[in-house]
Amino acid sequence: MDEELRTLTERLRLESGGTALHERLAVTVDHDALARVLTEPGQPLWARELAAFRLGVAGDRRAFEALVLLLNHRDPPRCASAAHALARLDDPRTARAAAALATNELRVAYALQPVRLLVELRAPESVPALITTLRRRLRPHDPHRRVALACVEGLGALGDDRARAVLNDALAHPVLAEAAVHALARIPRQR
């Protein structure tokens, strides 16, 4: 069992109270049974999360909508497990959905995992979304420094020259300055 699945299964075993449903969902190889959990009314959130995660890492695109909803959840472990599964799902809609979540100012408190997912995906939407999100975080007294730091580090990892201007602006922010220096050093110089 992979480490992410083990961690998720243990967390959700506690949340579910160790029910028989949890045990069935944790071991079944029946993707149709897992997919039914995503559409049947009255299923608990933990069951939907476990089913969506298992389908997502297996590459079953029926998990996409549930995983995107979990990626934007207020509970950080749910966001992280959804990002992990979405990165493995190989659905062409994932990058667009992550970019929409990362740049949504009404939900910026939950943008950390969408930002990290965009970096992992290295999709065409990644750099523009991270630039937009970081630029908004450079306003005075912005409370979302973890999101800003993830953008800076992600832009460095992506190494795209389009990020140079916003990373230079990030140098003026003490919390971001060191990371911005490292990120800028990772962007190849234009000749």
N, C-alpha and C. Protein backbone atom coordinates (compact mmCIF):
# COMPACT_ATOMS: atom_id res chain seq x y z
N MET A 1 0.86 -1.18 0.00
CA MET A 1 0.00 0.00 0.00
C MET A 1 0.90 1.23 0.00
N ASP A 2 0.61 2.18 -0.87
CA ASP A 2 1.44 3.38 -0.93
C ASP A 2 1.18 4.26 0.30
N GLU A 3 2.17 5.08 0.62
CA GLU A 3 2.15 5.87 1.86
C GLU A 3 0.95 6.81 1.92
N GLU A 4 0.61 7.46 0.80
CA GLU A 4 -0.53 8.37 0.79
C GLU A 4 -1.83 7.63 1.08
N LEU A 5 -2.00 6.46 0.47
CA LEU A 5 -3.21 5.68 0.72
C LEU A 5 -3.26 5.19 2.16
N ARG A 6 -2.14 4.78 2.70
CA ARG A 6 -2.09 4.31 4.08
C ARG A 6 -2.49 5.44 5.04
N THR A 7 -1.91 6.62 4.83
CA THR A 7 -2.22 7.77 5.68
C THR A 7 -3.71 8.15 5.58
N LEU A 8 -4.22 8.20 4.36
CA LEU A 8 -5.63 8.52 4.14
C LEU A 8 -6.52 7.48 4.80
N THR A 9 -6.22 6.22 4.60
CA THR A 9 -7.04 5.15 5.15
C THR A 9 -7.09 5.22 6.67
N GLU A 10 -5.94 5.48 7.29
CA GLU A 10 -5.91 5.58 8.76
C GLU A 10 -6.70 6.79 9.25
N ARG A 11 -6.52 7.93 8.59
CA ARG A 11 -7.26 9.14 8.99
C ARG A 11 -8.77 8.91 8.87
N LEU A 12 -9.18 8.31 7.76
CA LEU A 12 -10.61 8.10 7.54
C LEU A 12 -11.16 6.95 8.39
N ARG A 13 -10.32 5.99 8.78
CA ARG A 13 -10.77 4.95 9.71
C ARG A 13 -11.17 5.59 11.04
N LEU A 14 -10.37 6.53 11.50
CA LEU A 14 -10.70 7.24 12.73
C LEU A 14 -11.98 8.07 12.56
N GLU A 15 -12.06 8.78 11.44
CA GLU A 15 -13.23 9.63 11.19
C GLU A 15 -14.51 8.81 11.09
N SER A 16 -14.43 7.62 10.49
CA SER A 16 -15.61 6.78 10.29
C SER A 16 -15.97 5.97 11.52
N GLY A 17 -15.05 5.90 12.46
CA GLY A 17 -15.29 5.05 13.62
C GLY A 17 -15.01 3.59 13.31
N GLY A 18 -14.27 3.33 12.24
CA GLY A 18 -13.92 1.96 11.88
C GLY A 18 -15.09 1.12 11.40
N THR A 19 -16.01 1.73 10.68
CA THR A 19 -17.20 1.02 10.22
C THR A 19 -16.87 -0.04 9.18
N ALA A 20 -17.82 -0.94 8.98
CA ALA A 20 -17.68 -1.98 7.96
C ALA A 20 -17.59 -1.35 6.57
N LEU A 21 -18.34 -0.26 6.35
CA LEU A 21 -18.28 0.43 5.06
C LEU A 21 -16.86 0.92 4.79
N HIS A 22 -16.22 1.49 5.78
CA HIS A 22 -14.84 1.95 5.60
C HIS A 22 -13.94 0.78 5.19
N GLU A 23 -14.05 -0.31 5.89
CA GLU A 23 -13.20 -1.47 5.59
C GLU A 23 -13.45 -1.98 4.17
N ARG A 24 -14.71 -2.02 3.75
CA ARG A 24 -15.02 -2.47 2.38
C ARG A 24 -14.42 -1.52 1.35
N LEU A 25 -14.61 -0.21 1.56
CA LEU A 25 -14.09 0.77 0.59
C LEU A 25 -12.57 0.77 0.53
N ALA A 26 -11.94 0.47 1.64
CA ALA A 26 -10.48 0.49 1.69
C ALA A 26 -9.85 -0.66 0.92
N VAL A 27 -10.58 -1.75 0.73
CA VAL A 27 -9.96 -2.93 0.10
C VAL A 27 -10.58 -3.34 -1.23
N THR A 28 -11.77 -2.85 -1.55
CA THR A 28 -12.43 -3.32 -2.76
C THR A 28 -11.62 -2.99 -4.01
N VAL A 29 -11.73 -3.87 -4.99
CA VAL A 29 -11.12 -3.61 -6.30
C VAL A 29 -12.21 -3.30 -7.33
N ASP A 30 -13.45 -3.22 -6.87
CA ASP A 30 -14.59 -2.95 -7.73
C ASP A 30 -14.76 -1.44 -7.92
N HIS A 31 -14.30 -0.94 -9.06
CA HIS A 31 -14.38 0.50 -9.33
C HIS A 31 -15.82 0.98 -9.45
N ASP A 32 -16.72 0.13 -9.92
CA ASP A 32 -18.12 0.53 -10.02
C ASP A 32 -18.71 0.76 -8.62
N ALA A 33 -18.34 -0.08 -7.67
CA ALA A 33 -18.81 0.10 -6.30
C ALA A 33 -18.28 1.40 -5.71
N LEU A 34 -17.02 1.71 -5.99
CA LEU A 34 -16.45 2.97 -5.52
C LEU A 34 -17.16 4.16 -6.17
N ALA A 35 -17.42 4.07 -7.46
CA ALA A 35 -18.07 5.16 -8.18
C ALA A 35 -19.50 5.38 -7.67
N ARG A 36 -20.19 4.32 -7.27
CA ARG A 36 -21.54 4.47 -6.74
C ARG A 36 -21.54 5.30 -5.45
N VAL A 37 -20.49 5.17 -4.65
CA VAL A 37 -20.39 5.94 -3.41
C VAL A 37 -20.37 7.44 -3.73
N LEU A 38 -19.83 7.81 -4.87
CA LEU A 38 -19.74 9.22 -5.25
C LEU A 38 -21.08 9.79 -5.69
N THR A 39 -22.01 8.94 -6.10
CA THR A 39 -23.28 9.44 -6.63
C THR A 39 -24.49 9.10 -5.77
N GLU A 40 -24.37 8.14 -4.88
CA GLU A 40 -25.51 7.77 -4.02
C GLU A 40 -25.76 8.86 -2.98
N PRO A 41 -27.02 9.21 -2.78
CA PRO A 41 -27.32 10.21 -1.74
C PRO A 41 -27.05 9.64 -0.35
N GLY A 42 -26.71 10.54 0.57
CA GLY A 42 -26.55 10.17 1.96
C GLY A 42 -25.21 9.56 2.34
N GLN A 43 -24.28 9.48 1.42
CA GLN A 43 -22.96 8.93 1.75
C GLN A 43 -22.17 9.95 2.57
N PRO A 44 -21.49 9.51 3.62
CA PRO A 44 -20.69 10.45 4.42
C PRO A 44 -19.49 10.97 3.63
N LEU A 45 -19.03 12.14 4.03
CA LEU A 45 -17.89 12.76 3.34
C LEU A 45 -16.68 11.86 3.34
N TRP A 46 -16.37 11.20 4.45
CA TRP A 46 -15.19 10.34 4.51
C TRP A 46 -15.28 9.22 3.47
N ALA A 47 -16.50 8.68 3.25
CA ALA A 47 -16.67 7.60 2.27
C ALA A 47 -16.45 8.12 0.85
N ARG A 48 -16.99 9.30 0.58
CA ARG A 48 -16.79 9.90 -0.74
C ARG A 48 -15.30 10.19 -0.98
N GLU A 49 -14.63 10.68 0.05
CA GLU A 49 -13.20 10.98 -0.09
C GLU A 49 -12.41 9.71 -0.37
N LEU A 50 -12.66 8.66 0.37
CA LEU A 50 -11.92 7.41 0.17
C LEU A 50 -12.19 6.84 -1.21
N ALA A 51 -13.44 6.84 -1.64
CA ALA A 51 -13.79 6.32 -2.97
C ALA A 51 -13.14 7.16 -4.07
N ALA A 52 -13.23 8.48 -3.94
CA ALA A 52 -12.66 9.36 -4.96
C ALA A 52 -11.14 9.20 -5.03
N PHE A 53 -10.50 9.12 -3.90
CA PHE A 53 -9.04 8.95 -3.88
C PHE A 53 -8.65 7.65 -4.57
N ARG A 54 -9.30 6.56 -4.19
CA ARG A 54 -8.94 5.26 -4.76
C ARG A 54 -9.18 5.23 -6.26
N LEU A 55 -10.29 5.82 -6.71
CA LEU A 55 -10.55 5.88 -8.15
C LEU A 55 -9.54 6.79 -8.85
N GLY A 56 -9.23 7.92 -8.22
CA GLY A 56 -8.30 8.87 -8.83
C GLY A 56 -6.92 8.29 -9.04
N VAL A 57 -6.37 7.66 -8.03
CA VAL A 57 -5.02 7.10 -8.19
C VAL A 57 -5.01 5.91 -9.16
N ALA A 58 -6.19 5.31 -9.37
CA ALA A 58 -6.30 4.23 -10.35
C ALA A 58 -6.53 4.76 -11.76
N GLY A 59 -6.68 6.08 -11.90
CA GLY A 59 -6.87 6.68 -13.22
C GLY A 59 -8.31 6.65 -13.72
N ASP A 60 -9.26 6.42 -12.83
CA ASP A 60 -10.67 6.38 -13.21
C ASP A 60 -11.25 7.80 -13.12
N ARG A 61 -11.58 8.35 -14.27
CA ARG A 61 -12.00 9.76 -14.35
C ARG A 61 -13.37 10.03 -13.74
N ARG A 62 -14.07 9.03 -13.31
CA ARG A 62 -15.34 9.27 -12.61
C ARG A 62 -15.10 9.99 -11.28
N ALA A 63 -13.87 10.00 -10.82
CA ALA A 63 -13.53 10.64 -9.55
C ALA A 63 -13.27 12.14 -9.70
N PHE A 64 -13.16 12.64 -10.91
CA PHE A 64 -12.71 14.01 -11.13
C PHE A 64 -13.50 15.06 -10.34
N GLU A 65 -14.81 15.10 -10.49
CA GLU A 65 -15.61 16.15 -9.85
C GLU A 65 -15.47 16.11 -8.33
N ALA A 66 -15.54 14.91 -7.76
CA ALA A 66 -15.42 14.79 -6.30
C ALA A 66 -14.03 15.24 -5.84
N LEU A 67 -13.01 14.89 -6.59
CA LEU A 67 -11.65 15.29 -6.19
C LEU A 67 -11.47 16.80 -6.28
N VAL A 68 -12.05 17.45 -7.29
CA VAL A 68 -11.94 18.90 -7.39
C VAL A 68 -12.65 19.57 -6.22
N LEU A 69 -13.80 19.05 -5.84
CA LEU A 69 -14.48 19.61 -4.66
C LEU A 69 -13.63 19.44 -3.40
N LEU A 70 -13.00 18.30 -3.25
CA LEU A 70 -12.15 18.06 -2.09
C LEU A 70 -10.88 18.90 -2.13
N LEU A 71 -10.38 19.20 -3.32
CA LEU A 71 -9.19 20.04 -3.46
C LEU A 71 -9.43 21.44 -2.90
N ASN A 72 -10.67 21.86 -2.86
CA ASN A 72 -11.04 23.19 -2.39
C ASN A 72 -11.72 23.14 -1.01
N HIS A 73 -11.50 22.07 -0.29
CA HIS A 73 -12.13 21.88 1.02
C HIS A 73 -11.39 22.67 2.09
N ARG A 74 -12.08 23.00 3.17
CA ARG A 74 -11.45 23.79 4.25
C ARG A 74 -10.50 22.95 5.10
N ASP A 75 -10.56 21.63 4.98
CA ASP A 75 -9.73 20.73 5.77
C ASP A 75 -8.44 20.40 4.99
N PRO A 76 -7.28 20.89 5.43
CA PRO A 76 -6.04 20.68 4.67
C PRO A 76 -5.71 19.23 4.31
N PRO A 77 -5.91 18.25 5.19
CA PRO A 77 -5.61 16.87 4.77
C PRO A 77 -6.49 16.40 3.60
N ARG A 78 -7.74 16.85 3.56
CA ARG A 78 -8.60 16.49 2.43
C ARG A 78 -8.07 17.11 1.13
N CYS A 79 -7.65 18.36 1.21
CA CYS A 79 -7.09 19.04 0.03
C CYS A 79 -5.84 18.30 -0.46
N ALA A 80 -4.99 17.92 0.47
CA ALA A 80 -3.74 17.26 0.10
C ALA A 80 -3.99 15.89 -0.54
N SER A 81 -4.93 15.13 0.01
CA SER A 81 -5.20 13.82 -0.59
C SER A 81 -5.83 13.98 -1.97
N ALA A 82 -6.69 14.98 -2.13
CA ALA A 82 -7.30 15.22 -3.44
C ALA A 82 -6.24 15.63 -4.46
N ALA A 83 -5.31 16.48 -4.06
CA ALA A 83 -4.24 16.91 -4.97
C ALA A 83 -3.40 15.71 -5.40
N HIS A 84 -3.09 14.84 -4.45
CA HIS A 84 -2.30 13.64 -4.76
C HIS A 84 -3.02 12.79 -5.80
N ALA A 85 -4.31 12.55 -5.59
CA ALA A 85 -5.08 11.72 -6.52
C ALA A 85 -5.24 12.40 -7.88
N LEU A 86 -5.50 13.70 -7.87
CA LEU A 86 -5.66 14.43 -9.14
C LEU A 86 -4.38 14.41 -9.97
N ALA A 87 -3.25 14.47 -9.31
CA ALA A 87 -1.98 14.44 -10.04
C ALA A 87 -1.78 13.11 -10.76
N ARG A 88 -2.39 12.07 -10.26
CA ARG A 88 -2.25 10.74 -10.86
C ARG A 88 -3.41 10.37 -11.77
N LEU A 89 -4.48 11.15 -11.74
CA LEU A 89 -5.68 10.85 -12.50
C LEU A 89 -5.46 10.97 -14.00
N ASP A 90 -4.62 11.89 -14.42
CA ASP A 90 -4.34 12.12 -15.84
C ASP A 90 -5.60 12.53 -16.60
N ASP A 91 -6.33 13.48 -16.00
CA ASP A 91 -7.52 14.03 -16.65
C ASP A 91 -7.14 15.40 -17.21
N PRO A 92 -7.43 15.66 -18.49
CA PRO A 92 -7.03 16.93 -19.09
C PRO A 92 -7.71 18.15 -18.45
N ARG A 93 -8.76 17.96 -17.68
CA ARG A 93 -9.46 19.07 -17.02
C ARG A 93 -8.79 19.52 -15.73
N THR A 94 -7.86 18.73 -15.22
CA THR A 94 -7.29 18.97 -13.89
C THR A 94 -6.58 20.31 -13.80
N ALA A 95 -5.71 20.62 -14.73
CA ALA A 95 -4.93 21.87 -14.65
C ALA A 95 -5.84 23.09 -14.70
N ARG A 96 -6.85 23.05 -15.55
CA ARG A 96 -7.77 24.19 -15.65
C ARG A 96 -8.54 24.37 -14.33
N ALA A 97 -8.97 23.26 -13.73
CA ALA A 97 -9.69 23.33 -12.46
C ALA A 97 -8.77 23.84 -11.34
N ALA A 98 -7.55 23.34 -11.30
CA ALA A 98 -6.60 23.80 -10.27
C ALA A 98 -6.28 25.28 -10.44
N ALA A 99 -6.12 25.72 -11.68
CA ALA A 99 -5.85 27.14 -11.93
C ALA A 99 -7.02 28.01 -11.48
N ALA A 100 -8.24 27.55 -11.74
CA ALA A 100 -9.43 28.31 -11.32
C ALA A 100 -9.49 28.41 -9.80
N LEU A 101 -9.16 27.34 -9.11
CA LEU A 101 -9.18 27.35 -7.64
C LEU A 101 -8.05 28.21 -7.08
N ALA A 102 -6.87 28.13 -7.67
CA ALA A 102 -5.72 28.89 -7.18
C ALA A 102 -5.92 30.39 -7.34
N THR A 103 -6.64 30.80 -8.36
CA THR A 103 -6.81 32.23 -8.64
C THR A 103 -8.13 32.80 -8.12
N ASN A 104 -8.92 32.00 -7.46
CA ASN A 104 -10.21 32.45 -6.92
C ASN A 104 -9.97 33.21 -5.62
N GLU A 105 -10.10 34.50 -5.66
CA GLU A 105 -9.84 35.34 -4.48
C GLU A 105 -10.79 35.06 -3.33
N LEU A 106 -11.97 34.57 -3.61
CA LEU A 106 -12.93 34.26 -2.55
C LEU A 106 -12.53 33.00 -1.77
N ARG A 107 -11.67 32.18 -2.36
CA ARG A 107 -11.26 30.92 -1.73
C ARG A 107 -9.75 30.84 -1.56
N VAL A 108 -9.07 31.98 -1.55
CA VAL A 108 -7.61 31.98 -1.51
C VAL A 108 -7.06 31.31 -0.25
N ALA A 109 -7.80 31.28 0.82
CA ALA A 109 -7.33 30.60 2.04
C ALA A 109 -7.13 29.11 1.80
N TYR A 110 -7.76 28.57 0.76
CA TYR A 110 -7.66 27.15 0.46
C TYR A 110 -6.87 26.89 -0.82
N ALA A 111 -6.07 27.85 -1.26
CA ALA A 111 -5.37 27.75 -2.54
C ALA A 111 -4.02 27.03 -2.47
N LEU A 112 -3.55 26.69 -1.29
CA LEU A 112 -2.22 26.09 -1.17
C LEU A 112 -2.08 24.81 -1.99
N GLN A 113 -3.00 23.88 -1.84
CA GLN A 113 -2.88 22.62 -2.58
C GLN A 113 -3.11 22.80 -4.08
N PRO A 114 -4.07 23.62 -4.52
CA PRO A 114 -4.15 23.86 -5.96
C PRO A 114 -2.86 24.45 -6.55
N VAL A 115 -2.20 25.34 -5.81
CA VAL A 115 -0.92 25.90 -6.27
C VAL A 115 0.11 24.78 -6.40
N ARG A 116 0.23 23.96 -5.38
CA ARG A 116 1.21 22.87 -5.42
C ARG A 116 0.90 21.87 -6.54
N LEU A 117 -0.39 21.62 -6.75
CA LEU A 117 -0.79 20.71 -7.83
C LEU A 117 -0.40 21.28 -9.19
N LEU A 118 -0.59 22.57 -9.38
CA LEU A 118 -0.20 23.19 -10.66
C LEU A 118 1.29 23.03 -10.92
N VAL A 119 2.09 23.16 -9.88
CA VAL A 119 3.54 22.97 -10.04
C VAL A 119 3.84 21.53 -10.45
N GLU A 120 3.20 20.59 -9.78
CA GLU A 120 3.43 19.18 -10.11
C GLU A 120 2.99 18.85 -11.52
N LEU A 121 1.88 19.42 -11.97
CA LEU A 121 1.36 19.13 -13.30
C LEU A 121 2.20 19.73 -14.42
N ARG A 122 2.84 20.88 -14.15
CA ARG A 122 3.65 21.56 -15.16
C ARG A 122 2.85 21.79 -16.46
N ALA A 123 1.60 22.16 -16.31
CA ALA A 123 0.69 22.36 -17.44
C ALA A 123 0.82 23.78 -17.98
N PRO A 124 0.30 24.04 -19.17
CA PRO A 124 0.35 25.41 -19.72
C PRO A 124 -0.32 26.43 -18.80
N GLU A 125 -1.32 26.02 -18.02
CA GLU A 125 -2.03 26.93 -17.12
C GLU A 125 -1.22 27.25 -15.87
N SER A 126 -0.19 26.48 -15.57
CA SER A 126 0.50 26.58 -14.28
C SER A 126 1.15 27.94 -14.06
N VAL A 127 2.03 28.37 -14.94
CA VAL A 127 2.77 29.62 -14.73
C VAL A 127 1.84 30.83 -14.69
N PRO A 128 0.92 31.00 -15.65
CA PRO A 128 0.03 32.17 -15.56
C PRO A 128 -0.79 32.19 -14.27
N ALA A 129 -1.28 31.03 -13.82
CA ALA A 129 -2.08 31.00 -12.59
C ALA A 129 -1.23 31.35 -11.37
N LEU A 130 -0.02 30.83 -11.30
CA LEU A 130 0.86 31.13 -10.17
C LEU A 130 1.27 32.60 -10.17
N ILE A 131 1.53 33.16 -11.32
CA ILE A 131 1.87 34.59 -11.40
C ILE A 131 0.70 35.43 -10.90
N THR A 132 -0.51 35.13 -11.37
CA THR A 132 -1.69 35.88 -10.94
C THR A 132 -1.89 35.78 -9.43
N THR A 133 -1.79 34.58 -8.91
CA THR A 133 -2.00 34.36 -7.48
C THR A 133 -0.94 35.08 -6.66
N LEU A 134 0.31 34.97 -7.07
CA LEU A 134 1.40 35.64 -6.33
C LEU A 134 1.25 37.16 -6.40
N ARG A 135 0.94 37.68 -7.55
CA ARG A 135 0.81 39.14 -7.67
C ARG A 135 -0.24 39.67 -6.68
N ARG A 136 -1.32 38.97 -6.52
CA ARG A 136 -2.36 39.37 -5.56
C ARG A 136 -1.88 39.26 -4.12
N ARG A 137 -0.99 38.35 -3.86
CA ARG A 137 -0.48 38.14 -2.50
C ARG A 137 0.57 39.18 -2.10
N LEU A 138 1.02 39.96 -3.05
CA LEU A 138 2.04 40.97 -2.76
C LEU A 138 1.45 42.28 -2.26
N ARG A 139 0.16 42.32 -2.08
CA ARG A 139 -0.48 43.52 -1.51
C ARG A 139 -0.09 43.66 -0.05
N PRO A 140 -0.05 44.89 0.44
CA PRO A 140 0.30 45.08 1.86
C PRO A 140 -0.67 44.34 2.79
N HIS A 141 -0.11 43.73 3.80
CA HIS A 141 -0.86 43.06 4.87
C HIS A 141 -1.68 41.86 4.39
N ASP A 142 -1.28 41.25 3.30
CA ASP A 142 -2.00 40.06 2.83
C ASP A 142 -1.76 38.93 3.83
N PRO A 143 -2.81 38.27 4.30
CA PRO A 143 -2.64 37.23 5.33
C PRO A 143 -2.27 35.85 4.78
N HIS A 144 -2.17 35.69 3.49
CA HIS A 144 -1.98 34.37 2.89
C HIS A 144 -0.53 34.14 2.45
N ARG A 145 0.38 34.28 3.39
CA ARG A 145 1.81 34.15 3.09
C ARG A 145 2.22 32.74 2.67
N ARG A 146 1.54 31.72 3.21
CA ARG A 146 1.89 30.34 2.82
C ARG A 146 1.56 30.11 1.34
N VAL A 147 0.46 30.69 0.88
CA VAL A 147 0.11 30.58 -0.52
C VAL A 147 1.13 31.34 -1.37
N ALA A 148 1.50 32.53 -0.92
CA ALA A 148 2.50 33.32 -1.65
C ALA A 148 3.83 32.58 -1.73
N LEU A 149 4.26 32.00 -0.63
CA LEU A 149 5.52 31.27 -0.60
C LEU A 149 5.46 30.05 -1.54
N ALA A 150 4.34 29.36 -1.55
CA ALA A 150 4.18 28.22 -2.46
C ALA A 150 4.26 28.67 -3.92
N CYS A 151 3.70 29.85 -4.22
CA CYS A 151 3.79 30.39 -5.58
C CYS A 151 5.23 30.71 -5.95
N VAL A 152 5.94 31.36 -5.04
CA VAL A 152 7.34 31.71 -5.31
C VAL A 152 8.16 30.45 -5.56
N GLU A 153 8.04 29.49 -4.66
CA GLU A 153 8.80 28.24 -4.82
C GLU A 153 8.40 27.50 -6.08
N GLY A 154 7.10 27.49 -6.37
CA GLY A 154 6.62 26.82 -7.56
C GLY A 154 7.10 27.46 -8.84
N LEU A 155 7.09 28.79 -8.87
CA LEU A 155 7.59 29.48 -10.07
C LEU A 155 9.07 29.20 -10.27
N GLY A 156 9.81 29.11 -9.19
CA GLY A 156 11.22 28.74 -9.31
C GLY A 156 11.37 27.33 -9.87
N ALA A 157 10.57 26.40 -9.37
CA ALA A 157 10.64 25.02 -9.85
C ALA A 157 10.26 24.92 -11.32
N LEU A 158 9.31 25.74 -11.76
CA LEU A 158 8.89 25.71 -13.16
C LEU A 158 9.90 26.39 -14.08
N GLY A 159 10.68 27.33 -13.53
CA GLY A 159 11.78 27.94 -14.27
C GLY A 159 11.38 28.69 -15.52
N ASP A 160 10.23 29.30 -15.53
CA ASP A 160 9.73 30.01 -16.71
C ASP A 160 10.07 31.50 -16.60
N ASP A 161 10.62 32.03 -17.67
CA ASP A 161 11.06 33.44 -17.67
C ASP A 161 9.91 34.42 -17.46
N ARG A 162 8.68 34.03 -17.76
CA ARG A 162 7.54 34.93 -17.56
C ARG A 162 7.36 35.29 -16.08
N ALA A 163 7.92 34.50 -15.19
CA ALA A 163 7.76 34.74 -13.74
C ALA A 163 8.77 35.75 -13.20
N ARG A 164 9.75 36.13 -13.98
CA ARG A 164 10.84 36.97 -13.49
C ARG A 164 10.33 38.28 -12.85
N ALA A 165 9.41 38.97 -13.50
CA ALA A 165 8.94 40.27 -12.99
C ALA A 165 8.26 40.14 -11.63
N VAL A 166 7.34 39.18 -11.48
CA VAL A 166 6.64 39.04 -10.20
C VAL A 166 7.59 38.54 -9.11
N LEU A 167 8.56 37.72 -9.47
CA LEU A 167 9.54 37.27 -8.48
C LEU A 167 10.43 38.43 -8.04
N ASN A 168 10.76 39.31 -8.96
CA ASN A 168 11.51 40.52 -8.57
C ASN A 168 10.70 41.37 -7.61
N ASP A 169 9.40 41.47 -7.85
CA ASP A 169 8.53 42.22 -6.93
C ASP A 169 8.48 41.54 -5.55
N ALA A 170 8.54 40.23 -5.53
CA ALA A 170 8.49 39.48 -4.27
C ALA A 170 9.74 39.72 -3.41
N LEU A 171 10.82 40.15 -4.03
CA LEU A 171 12.05 40.44 -3.29
C LEU A 171 11.84 41.53 -2.23
N ALA A 172 10.87 42.40 -2.44
CA ALA A 172 10.61 43.51 -1.51
C ALA A 172 9.84 43.05 -0.27
N HIS A 173 9.43 41.81 -0.21
CA HIS A 173 8.65 41.28 0.92
C HIS A 173 9.55 40.37 1.75
N PRO A 174 9.88 40.78 2.96
CA PRO A 174 10.83 40.02 3.79
C PRO A 174 10.50 38.53 3.94
N VAL A 175 9.23 38.20 4.03
CA VAL A 175 8.85 36.79 4.20
C VAL A 175 9.15 35.98 2.94
N LEU A 176 9.17 36.63 1.80
CA LEU A 176 9.33 35.95 0.52
C LEU A 176 10.70 36.15 -0.12
N ALA A 177 11.47 37.09 0.39
CA ALA A 177 12.70 37.51 -0.30
C ALA A 177 13.68 36.38 -0.54
N GLU A 178 13.98 35.59 0.48
CA GLU A 178 14.97 34.52 0.30
C GLU A 178 14.49 33.49 -0.73
N ALA A 179 13.23 33.11 -0.63
CA ALA A 179 12.69 32.16 -1.60
C ALA A 179 12.69 32.75 -3.00
N ALA A 180 12.42 34.05 -3.12
CA ALA A 180 12.41 34.69 -4.44
C ALA A 180 13.82 34.71 -5.05
N VAL A 181 14.83 34.93 -4.22
CA VAL A 181 16.22 34.89 -4.71
C VAL A 181 16.52 33.51 -5.29
N HIS A 182 16.14 32.46 -4.55
CA HIS A 182 16.38 31.09 -5.02
C HIS A 182 15.57 30.78 -6.28
N ALA A 183 14.34 31.27 -6.32
CA ALA A 183 13.49 31.02 -7.50
C ALA A 183 14.06 31.71 -8.73
N LEU A 184 14.49 32.94 -8.56
CA LEU A 184 15.08 33.66 -9.70
C LEU A 184 16.35 32.98 -10.20
N ALA A 185 17.12 32.42 -9.29
CA ALA A 185 18.34 31.72 -9.69
C ALA A 185 18.05 30.47 -10.51
N ARG A 186 16.86 29.93 -10.40
CA ARG A 186 16.50 28.72 -11.13
C ARG A 186 15.97 29.01 -12.54
N ILE A 187 15.71 30.28 -12.82
CA ILE A 187 15.18 30.63 -14.15
C ILE A 187 16.35 30.90 -15.07
N PRO A 188 16.43 30.16 -16.16
CA PRO A 188 17.54 30.36 -17.09
C PRO A 188 17.53 31.79 -17.68
N ARG A 189 18.70 32.35 -17.81
CA ARG A 189 18.85 33.69 -18.40
C ARG A 189 18.60 33.62 -19.90
N GLN A 190 17.88 34.62 -20.41
CA GLN A 190 17.66 34.72 -21.86
C GLN A 190 18.93 35.22 -22.53
N ARG A 191 19.23 34.71 -23.66
CA ARG A 191 20.45 35.12 -24.40
C ARG A 191 20.11 36.06 -25.52
